[in-house]
């Protein structure tokens, strides 16, 4: 593993898994949310995001944490390993609730209130986003693909490294 992406529903534990994977492997970690969002909750221009992502992907090693459907196929083609946290929606919603009010190193602000649109995205992830992810994974011949159905499976994988 030299180039890995970590994808899954918001609240699934992607960033936590990414940090632990980085700690174990020492592969540089990049959070897409930090490339995409400004501290005032505005987004960087699309070209800036894509340019910064391209700079990371040109490196010899990386871990990329985040979904961003607009670049997922590109990242899947560039990586050698995919980690998909295919966690039940209820656990994802719980994960989002648990992190409210806590500073995080993977996003440039502290969430203090519920974002109704964000919660709706999570609630619809299995029906709307997951089929696209599965379709992209089917096209990832030659890549190591890990699909974790719960956080315990992800933790067990990390313990084996």
Protein backbone atom coordinates (compact mmCIF):
# COMPACT_ATOMS: atom_id res chain seq x y z
CA UNK A 1 0.00 0.00 0.00
CA UNK A 2 1.38 3.34 -1.12
CA UNK A 3 -1.70 5.22 -2.31
CA UNK A 4 -4.95 4.67 -0.42
CA UNK A 5 -8.36 6.28 -0.42
CA UNK A 6 -10.85 6.06 2.40
CA UNK A 7 -14.49 6.53 1.46
CA UNK A 8 -17.88 6.01 3.10
CA UNK A 9 -20.90 7.80 4.41
CA UNK A 10 -20.26 10.91 6.53
CA UNK A 11 -20.03 9.84 10.16
CA UNK A 12 -18.81 6.35 9.26
CA UNK A 13 -15.41 6.93 10.85
CA UNK A 14 -13.34 7.68 7.73
CA UNK A 15 -11.16 10.36 9.33
CA UNK A 16 -10.57 8.34 12.49
CA UNK A 17 -9.62 5.30 10.41
CA UNK A 18 -7.39 7.49 8.20
CA UNK A 19 -5.53 8.93 11.19
CA UNK A 20 -4.94 5.49 12.67
CA UNK A 21 -3.80 4.13 9.29
CA UNK A 22 -1.40 7.06 8.96
CA UNK A 23 -0.07 6.52 12.50
CA UNK A 24 0.65 2.87 11.70
CA UNK A 25 2.00 3.22 8.15
CA UNK A 26 3.50 6.73 8.31
CA UNK A 27 2.07 7.36 4.83
CA UNK A 28 1.20 11.08 4.47
CA UNK A 29 -2.47 11.79 5.20
CA UNK A 30 -4.59 14.37 3.39
CA UNK A 31 -8.19 15.23 4.29
CA UNK A 32 -10.27 16.32 1.29
CA UNK A 33 -12.44 18.49 3.55
CA UNK A 34 -9.38 20.63 4.36
CA UNK A 35 -8.67 21.04 0.65
CA UNK A 36 -12.29 21.90 -0.19
CA UNK A 37 -13.57 24.04 2.71
CA UNK A 38 -12.49 27.39 4.13
CA UNK A 39 -12.80 28.04 7.89
CA UNK A 40 -15.85 30.26 7.24
CA UNK A 41 -17.70 27.29 5.66
CA UNK A 42 -17.28 28.60 2.13
CA UNK A 43 -15.65 26.42 -0.50
CA UNK A 44 -12.49 27.04 -2.47
CA UNK A 45 -12.93 27.43 -6.23
CA UNK A 46 -13.32 24.07 -8.00
CA UNK A 47 -10.08 24.61 -9.94
CA UNK A 48 -8.13 25.22 -6.72
CA UNK A 49 -9.52 22.05 -5.14
CA UNK A 50 -8.70 19.98 -8.23
CA UNK A 51 -5.20 21.48 -8.54
CA UNK A 52 -4.41 20.80 -4.87
CA UNK A 53 -5.75 17.26 -5.15
CA UNK A 54 -3.66 16.66 -8.28
CA UNK A 55 -0.51 17.86 -6.46
CA UNK A 56 -1.16 15.31 -3.70
CA UNK A 57 -1.84 12.51 -6.16
CA UNK A 58 1.47 13.18 -7.93
CA UNK A 59 3.33 12.25 -4.74
CA UNK A 60 4.81 8.76 -4.25
CA UNK A 61 2.62 7.95 -1.24
CA UNK A 62 -0.62 9.26 0.19
CA UNK A 63 -3.76 8.49 2.12
CA UNK A 64 -6.78 10.50 0.93
CA UNK A 65 -9.69 10.74 3.36
CA UNK A 66 -13.05 11.77 1.94
CA UNK A 67 -15.77 11.13 -0.59
CA UNK A 68 -16.28 13.98 -3.07
CA UNK A 69 -18.06 12.16 -5.88
CA UNK A 70 -16.71 14.59 -8.48
CA UNK A 71 -13.18 13.20 -8.00
CA UNK A 72 -13.87 9.69 -6.69
CA UNK A 73 -13.34 7.87 -10.00
CA UNK A 74 -10.07 9.77 -10.54
CA UNK A 75 -8.82 8.86 -7.06
CA UNK A 76 -9.85 5.23 -7.48
CA UNK A 77 -7.83 5.01 -10.68
CA UNK A 78 -4.77 6.60 -9.03
CA UNK A 79 -4.77 4.52 -5.84
CA UNK A 80 -3.63 1.00 -5.13
CA UNK A 81 -5.88 0.48 -2.09
CA UNK A 82 -9.50 1.42 -1.35
CA UNK A 83 -11.06 1.33 2.09
CA UNK A 84 -14.86 1.62 1.99
CA UNK A 85 -16.51 2.07 5.38
CA UNK A 86 -19.93 0.66 4.48
CA UNK A 87 -21.38 1.38 7.93
CA UNK A 88 -25.13 1.36 8.75
CA UNK A 89 -26.82 4.76 8.54
CA UNK A 90 -27.81 4.73 12.22
CA UNK A 91 -24.15 4.43 13.25
CA UNK A 92 -23.18 7.22 10.84
CA UNK A 93 -25.82 9.54 12.30
CA UNK A 94 -24.56 8.65 15.78
CA UNK A 95 -20.99 9.40 14.66
CA UNK A 96 -22.02 12.86 13.45
CA UNK A 97 -23.89 13.56 16.70
CA UNK A 98 -20.89 12.46 18.80
CA UNK A 99 -18.46 14.83 17.07
CA UNK A 100 -20.68 17.91 17.41
CA UNK A 101 -18.95 20.62 19.44
CA UNK A 102 -15.53 18.93 19.25
CA UNK A 103 -12.55 20.37 17.38
CA UNK A 104 -11.33 18.07 14.60
CA UNK A 105 -8.11 18.04 12.60
CA UNK A 106 -9.93 17.02 9.41
CA UNK A 107 -12.27 20.00 9.02
CA UNK A 108 -11.54 23.72 9.51
CA UNK A 109 -14.36 24.54 11.95
CA UNK A 110 -16.25 23.09 14.90
CA UNK A 111 -19.77 21.85 14.18
CA UNK A 112 -22.10 23.31 16.78
CA UNK A 113 -25.55 22.62 15.35
CA UNK A 114 -27.34 20.16 13.12
CA UNK A 115 -27.16 20.73 9.38
CA UNK A 116 -30.51 19.45 8.10
CA UNK A 117 -29.30 18.99 4.49
CA UNK A 118 -26.19 17.13 5.70
CA UNK A 119 -28.28 14.79 7.88
CA UNK A 120 -30.64 14.15 4.94
CA UNK A 121 -27.61 13.28 2.78
CA UNK A 122 -26.55 10.72 5.40
CA UNK A 123 -30.06 9.29 5.67
CA UNK A 124 -30.18 8.85 1.88
CA UNK A 125 -26.58 7.63 1.44
CA UNK A 126 -27.45 3.93 1.13
CA UNK A 127 -30.03 4.56 -1.59
CA UNK A 128 -28.35 7.41 -3.48
CA UNK A 129 -24.56 7.41 -3.03
CA UNK A 130 -23.71 3.81 -2.17
CA UNK A 131 -24.82 2.35 -5.56
CA UNK A 132 -22.43 4.74 -7.36
CA UNK A 133 -19.59 3.77 -5.02
CA UNK A 134 -20.26 0.07 -5.65
CA UNK A 135 -20.33 0.69 -9.41
CA UNK A 136 -16.95 2.46 -9.24
CA UNK A 137 -15.48 -0.30 -7.07
CA UNK A 138 -16.46 -2.89 -9.69
CA UNK A 139 -14.22 -1.03 -12.16
CA UNK A 140 -11.21 -1.09 -9.83
CA UNK A 141 -9.48 -4.17 -11.15
CA UNK A 142 -6.00 -4.59 -9.76
CA UNK A 143 -6.63 -2.61 -6.62
CA UNK A 144 -6.82 -3.96 -3.12
CA UNK A 145 -10.36 -3.26 -1.89
CA UNK A 146 -11.45 -3.51 1.74
CA UNK A 147 -15.13 -3.10 2.57
CA UNK A 148 -15.88 -2.85 6.27
CA UNK A 149 -19.48 -3.40 7.35
CA UNK A 150 -18.89 -2.06 10.86
CA UNK A 151 -16.23 -0.22 12.84
CA UNK A 152 -15.12 -3.44 14.53
CA UNK A 153 -14.02 -4.86 11.15
CA UNK A 154 -12.06 -1.69 10.43
CA UNK A 155 -10.44 -1.81 13.88
CA UNK A 156 -9.53 -5.47 13.40
CA UNK A 157 -7.84 -4.68 10.10
CA UNK A 158 -5.75 -1.94 11.70
CA UNK A 159 -4.71 -4.24 14.55
CA UNK A 160 -3.28 -6.68 11.99
CA UNK A 161 -0.98 -4.07 10.44
